[in-house]
Amino acid sequence: MFIKDIFTRKKPVLSFEVFPPKQDSGLEAVLAAVDKMSVLPIDYMSVTYGAGGSNSKNTAQVASHMKNKLSIPSLAHLTCVANTREAVLNQLIEYREQGLENILALRGDKPKDYNGEIFPGYKYASELVEDIKQFGGFCVGGACYPECHPDSSTQEKDIENLKIKVDSGVDFLVTQMFFDNNEFYKFRDKCARKRIDVPINAGIMPLTNAGQIQRMAVLSGGASMPAKFVRMFAKYQDNPEALKQAGIAYAVDQIIDLLANDTDGIHLYTMNKPETAEKIVESISYLF
């Protein structure tokens, strides 16, 4: 099933994101986590893609497992940085052979050990979107940043680039994680003024330990940390169990507020933790 059709059929949509193992030996553990989460009332599941396609084989395997074994629509990520057009074509053929129907088209991050030209085949995700659409047979999602892509000079320029990407053929958007809903609402309004009219799935990351919070503050591209969040972290940073429960509660509060404000969907970054996903869904299932 195309994910764009899910957004047409219902609102709000609930989706999860997982990451594949870096080594083949970890595949069974990831599939086991996916199996546990598959019983929850979700509409689709997303699988990330390693820098430069470093674990692309496992991305395809996990996404195929979701779709073909669990009958859950899957969204396989595909990055184009450091990739040639031939390599992308081969990946599209593999995805098609696995029966996959949905791709999240991303520029992606440069691999740490990559010393060649940064953009040998593609410079922008919009170019990848065009190639996927020309290949045919896929519903295409795109990424967006509520508080501006770190490589963009201004949010206005970032949204102009997002409009180009959407006009290239993106069917729906998934946001980078954010912790301040007001920033999302402002971003959504700016998108509407630019006539970006595809569904926007709001990305929520439940931060449940101190190390994770410190890493995500960097990886999220400078996402704002509201005073309420900062106070929570300061109060419970030395109490791991309390911090875990507070992080889940914060994510639940975010989701309830987002849905009260007519958000198209919630995309939960699960970090492959079924127990965290289950606790959050238990608290919000009546909203879907």
Protein backbone atom coordinates (compact mmCIF):
# COMPACT_ATOMS: atom_id res chain seq x y z
CA MET A 1 0.00 0.00 0.00
CA PHE A 2 1.19 3.51 -0.82
CA ILE A 3 1.59 5.60 2.33
CA LYS A 4 0.03 8.60 0.58
CA ASP A 5 -3.18 6.57 0.39
CA ILE A 6 -3.11 5.98 4.15
CA PHE A 7 -3.08 9.75 4.71
CA THR A 8 -6.01 10.08 2.31
CA ARG A 9 -7.98 7.38 4.11
CA LYS A 10 -7.46 8.44 7.73
CA LYS A 11 -6.17 11.13 10.02
CA PRO A 12 -4.17 11.14 12.17
CA VAL A 13 -1.67 8.52 11.04
CA LEU A 14 0.64 6.74 13.49
CA SER A 15 4.00 5.39 12.35
CA PHE A 16 7.21 4.06 13.90
CA GLU A 17 10.82 4.29 12.82
CA VAL A 18 13.49 1.65 13.47
CA PHE A 19 17.10 1.32 12.40
CA PRO A 20 18.69 -1.79 10.86
CA PRO A 21 21.72 -3.50 12.41
CA LYS A 22 25.20 -2.42 11.33
CA GLN A 23 26.26 -6.07 11.26
CA ASP A 24 24.33 -9.03 9.89
CA SER A 25 24.65 -10.73 13.27
CA GLY A 26 22.26 -8.19 14.77
CA LEU A 27 19.47 -8.75 12.27
CA GLU A 28 17.48 -11.23 14.36
CA ALA A 29 17.38 -8.86 17.34
CA VAL A 30 16.05 -6.02 15.18
CA LEU A 31 13.43 -8.27 13.58
CA ALA A 32 12.36 -9.43 17.04
CA ALA A 33 11.89 -5.80 18.11
CA VAL A 34 9.90 -5.10 14.94
CA ASP A 35 7.71 -8.14 15.61
CA LYS A 36 6.89 -6.87 19.11
CA MET A 37 5.98 -3.42 17.83
CA SER A 38 3.93 -4.78 14.93
CA VAL A 39 1.06 -5.73 17.25
CA LEU A 40 0.52 -2.08 18.16
CA PRO A 41 -2.08 -0.07 16.19
CA ILE A 42 0.29 1.55 13.69
CA ASP A 43 -0.24 2.49 10.06
CA TYR A 44 3.30 1.99 8.74
CA MET A 45 6.89 1.44 9.84
CA SER A 46 10.02 3.16 8.59
CA VAL A 47 13.56 1.74 8.28
CA THR A 48 16.63 3.99 8.19
CA TYR A 49 19.59 3.76 5.83
CA GLY A 50 23.26 3.88 6.87
CA ALA A 51 25.54 6.72 5.78
CA GLY A 52 26.41 6.16 2.14
CA GLY A 53 24.33 2.99 2.13
CA SER A 54 26.60 1.22 4.62
CA ASN A 55 23.83 -1.13 5.75
CA SER A 56 21.44 -0.87 2.80
CA LYS A 57 21.08 -4.64 2.52
CA ASN A 58 19.69 -4.83 6.04
CA THR A 59 17.39 -1.87 5.36
CA ALA A 60 15.81 -3.84 2.52
CA GLN A 61 15.57 -7.02 4.62
CA VAL A 62 13.88 -5.31 7.57
CA ALA A 63 11.48 -3.38 5.32
CA SER A 64 10.65 -6.56 3.40
CA HIS A 65 9.98 -8.41 6.67
CA MET A 66 7.53 -5.68 7.70
CA LYS A 67 5.62 -5.76 4.45
CA ASN A 68 5.79 -9.38 3.39
CA LYS A 69 5.76 -11.19 6.75
CA LEU A 70 3.84 -8.80 8.98
CA SER A 71 1.59 -7.13 6.35
CA ILE A 72 2.57 -3.67 7.59
CA PRO A 73 3.30 -0.97 4.98
CA SER A 74 7.01 -0.22 5.16
CA LEU A 75 8.97 2.91 4.32
CA ALA A 76 12.56 2.16 3.25
CA HIS A 77 14.98 5.07 3.46
CA LEU A 78 17.32 5.84 0.57
CA THR A 79 20.14 8.40 0.67
CA CYS A 80 21.98 9.83 -2.31
CA VAL A 81 25.04 11.63 -0.91
CA ALA A 82 28.25 9.88 -2.02
CA ASN A 83 26.10 7.67 -4.27
CA THR A 84 26.27 7.42 -8.03
CA ARG A 85 23.10 7.32 -10.10
CA GLU A 86 23.97 3.76 -11.07
CA ALA A 87 24.16 2.72 -7.41
CA VAL A 88 20.80 4.34 -6.71
CA LEU A 89 19.28 2.57 -9.72
CA ASN A 90 20.55 -0.76 -8.40
CA GLN A 91 19.03 0.01 -4.99
CA LEU A 92 15.69 0.83 -6.58
CA ILE A 93 15.77 -2.46 -8.44
CA GLU A 94 16.48 -4.29 -5.17
CA TYR A 95 13.63 -2.53 -3.40
CA ARG A 96 11.27 -3.40 -6.23
CA GLU A 97 12.37 -7.06 -6.16
CA GLN A 98 11.64 -7.11 -2.41
CA GLY A 99 8.12 -5.88 -3.14
CA LEU A 100 8.66 -2.52 -1.44
CA GLU A 101 6.42 0.35 -2.45
CA ASN A 102 7.45 3.34 -0.32
CA ILE A 103 10.77 5.22 -0.14
CA LEU A 104 11.90 8.11 2.04
CA ALA A 105 14.22 10.04 -0.29
CA LEU A 106 17.05 11.73 1.61
CA ARG A 107 20.24 13.54 0.79
CA GLY A 108 21.85 11.87 3.80
CA ASP A 109 25.11 12.40 5.65
CA LYS A 110 28.57 11.96 4.22
CA PRO A 111 30.14 8.68 5.45
CA LYS A 112 32.90 9.28 7.97
CA ASP A 113 35.45 7.28 5.97
CA TYR A 114 34.49 8.69 2.57
CA ASN A 115 37.32 10.68 0.94
CA GLY A 116 35.97 11.23 -2.57
CA GLU A 117 33.68 13.81 -4.09
CA ILE A 118 30.85 14.53 -1.68
CA PHE A 119 28.24 14.63 -4.46
CA PRO A 120 29.36 12.25 -7.24
CA GLY A 121 25.83 11.74 -8.55
CA TYR A 122 23.46 13.97 -6.61
CA LYS A 123 23.65 17.28 -4.81
CA TYR A 124 20.08 17.58 -3.54
CA ALA A 125 17.37 15.20 -2.39
CA SER A 126 15.05 16.74 -4.99
CA GLU A 127 17.22 15.17 -7.69
CA LEU A 128 16.82 11.78 -6.05
CA VAL A 129 13.06 12.28 -5.87
CA GLU A 130 12.96 12.98 -9.60
CA ASP A 131 14.90 9.79 -10.38
CA ILE A 132 12.66 7.66 -8.16
CA LYS A 133 9.55 9.08 -9.81
CA GLN A 134 11.03 8.47 -13.25
CA PHE A 135 11.84 4.88 -12.24
CA GLY A 136 8.19 4.50 -11.23
CA GLY A 137 6.23 2.29 -8.89
CA PHE A 138 7.07 4.02 -5.59
CA CYS A 139 5.33 6.43 -3.25
CA VAL A 140 7.98 8.95 -2.18
CA GLY A 141 8.34 10.65 1.19
CA GLY A 142 10.65 13.53 2.02
CA ALA A 143 12.29 14.89 5.16
CA CYS A 144 11.84 18.36 6.60
CA TYR A 145 13.21 20.40 9.51
CA PRO A 146 10.76 22.43 11.62
CA GLU A 147 13.63 24.61 12.85
CA CYS A 148 15.64 24.78 9.60
CA HIS A 149 18.07 22.35 8.01
CA PRO A 150 21.56 22.89 9.53
CA ASP A 151 23.00 23.58 6.05
CA SER A 152 20.46 26.27 5.20
CA SER A 153 21.26 29.94 5.80
CA THR A 154 17.68 30.82 6.83
CA GLN A 155 14.42 29.00 7.41
CA GLU A 156 12.86 30.92 4.53
CA LYS A 157 15.51 29.54 2.17
CA ASP A 158 15.07 26.08 3.65
CA ILE A 159 11.33 26.15 3.00
CA GLU A 160 11.94 27.38 -0.56
CA ASN A 161 14.15 24.32 -1.09
CA LEU A 162 11.50 22.12 0.52
CA LYS A 163 8.96 23.47 -1.97
CA ILE A 164 11.30 22.46 -4.82
CA LYS A 165 11.56 18.96 -3.34
CA VAL A 166 7.81 18.60 -2.95
CA ASP A 167 7.23 19.85 -6.50
CA SER A 168 9.72 17.21 -7.69
CA GLY A 169 7.27 14.53 -6.61
CA VAL A 170 7.24 14.11 -2.82
CA ASP A 171 3.92 12.64 -1.65
CA PHE A 172 4.26 13.31 2.09
CA LEU A 173 6.78 14.71 4.58
CA VAL A 174 8.29 13.43 7.82
CA THR A 175 9.86 15.96 10.16
CA GLN A 176 13.14 15.72 11.99
CA MET A 177 12.59 15.30 15.72
CA PHE A 178 11.58 18.40 17.65
CA PHE A 179 10.78 19.11 21.28
CA ASP A 180 8.93 22.43 21.06
CA ASN A 181 5.52 22.08 19.41
CA ASN A 182 5.26 25.83 18.84
CA GLU A 183 8.21 25.60 16.44
CA PHE A 184 6.34 22.91 14.50
CA TYR A 185 3.17 25.00 14.29
CA LYS A 186 5.11 28.02 12.99
CA PHE A 187 6.85 25.80 10.42
CA ARG A 188 3.55 24.28 9.30
CA ASP A 189 2.04 27.74 8.78
CA LYS A 190 5.02 28.81 6.69
CA CYS A 191 4.71 25.68 4.57
CA ALA A 192 1.03 26.43 3.97
CA ARG A 193 1.90 29.95 2.82
CA LYS A 194 4.37 28.41 0.35
CA ARG A 195 1.59 26.10 -0.90
CA ILE A 196 3.30 22.98 0.39
CA ASP A 197 0.13 20.96 0.72
CA VAL A 198 1.27 17.37 1.23
CA PRO A 199 0.69 15.67 4.63
CA ILE A 200 3.32 16.44 7.29
CA ASN A 201 4.06 13.64 9.77
CA ALA A 202 5.45 15.06 13.03
CA GLY A 203 8.59 13.27 14.27
CA ILE A 204 8.69 12.65 18.02
CA MET A 205 11.69 11.20 19.84
CA PRO A 206 11.11 9.99 23.43
CA LEU A 207 14.38 10.80 25.20
CA THR A 208 14.76 8.37 28.07
CA ASN A 209 18.38 8.61 29.25
CA ALA A 210 20.96 11.34 29.82
CA GLY A 211 23.38 10.18 27.13
CA GLN A 212 20.60 10.04 24.56
CA ILE A 213 19.48 13.58 25.40
CA GLN A 214 23.00 14.96 24.98
CA ARG A 215 23.48 13.16 21.63
CA MET A 216 20.10 14.13 20.25
CA ALA A 217 20.65 17.80 21.06
CA VAL A 218 23.43 17.65 18.46
CA LEU A 219 21.92 15.18 15.97
CA SER A 220 18.57 16.94 15.81
CA GLY A 221 20.13 19.85 13.96
CA GLY A 222 19.87 22.31 16.83
CA ALA A 223 16.29 21.62 17.89
CA SER A 224 15.10 23.91 20.67
CA MET A 225 14.92 22.52 24.17
CA PRO A 226 11.96 24.23 25.93
CA ALA A 227 12.37 25.32 29.54
CA LYS A 228 10.01 22.54 30.65
CA PHE A 229 12.25 19.95 29.00
CA VAL A 230 15.44 21.46 30.45
CA ARG A 231 13.95 21.47 33.96
CA MET A 232 12.92 17.83 33.58
CA PHE A 233 16.44 16.82 32.56
CA ALA A 234 18.05 18.83 35.36
CA LYS A 235 15.77 17.31 38.00
CA TYR A 236 16.08 13.66 36.96
CA GLN A 237 19.46 13.35 35.23
CA ASP A 238 20.89 11.43 38.21
CA ASN A 239 17.87 9.14 38.51
CA PRO A 240 17.79 6.94 35.38
CA GLU A 241 14.40 5.33 35.99
CA ALA A 242 12.73 8.65 36.82
CA LEU A 243 14.31 10.25 33.74
CA LYS A 244 13.04 7.41 31.56
CA GLN A 245 9.47 7.80 32.81
CA ALA A 246 9.65 11.59 32.55
CA GLY A 247 10.93 11.34 28.96
CA ILE A 248 8.02 9.11 28.00
CA ALA A 249 5.55 11.46 29.70
CA TYR A 250 7.03 14.44 27.86
CA ALA A 251 6.63 12.68 24.51
CA VAL A 252 3.03 11.76 25.35
CA ASP A 253 2.25 15.38 26.26
CA GLN A 254 3.77 16.52 22.96
CA ILE A 255 1.68 14.05 20.98
CA ILE A 256 -1.59 14.94 22.72
CA ASP A 257 -1.00 18.63 22.02
CA LEU A 258 -0.06 17.97 18.38
CA LEU A 259 -3.19 15.93 17.75
CA ALA A 260 -5.34 18.55 19.45
CA ASN A 261 -3.95 20.97 16.88
CA ASP A 262 -4.93 18.87 13.85
CA THR A 263 -1.52 17.38 13.02
CA ASP A 264 -1.63 14.95 10.08
CA GLY A 265 0.26 12.19 11.91
CA ILE A 266 2.82 11.18 14.50
CA HIS A 267 6.08 9.50 13.51
CA LEU A 268 7.66 7.93 16.60
CA TYR A 269 11.43 7.46 16.58
CA THR A 270 11.46 4.24 18.60
CA MET A 271 15.23 3.61 18.79
CA ASN A 272 14.26 -0.09 18.45
CA LYS A 273 12.74 -0.09 21.95
CA PRO A 274 9.37 -1.91 21.90
CA GLU A 275 8.70 -1.29 25.59
CA THR A 276 8.98 2.49 25.17
CA ALA A 277 6.78 2.47 22.07
CA GLU A 278 4.20 0.33 23.87
CA LYS A 279 3.98 2.68 26.87
CA ILE A 280 3.49 5.69 24.65
CA VAL A 281 0.85 4.02 22.48
CA GLU A 282 -1.04 2.85 25.58
CA SER A 283 -1.40 6.50 26.56
CA ILE A 284 -2.50 7.84 23.17
CA SER A 285 -4.28 4.97 21.41
CA TYR A 286 -7.70 6.52 22.04
CA LEU A 287 -6.65 9.48 19.84
CA PHE A 288 -6.20 7.39 16.68
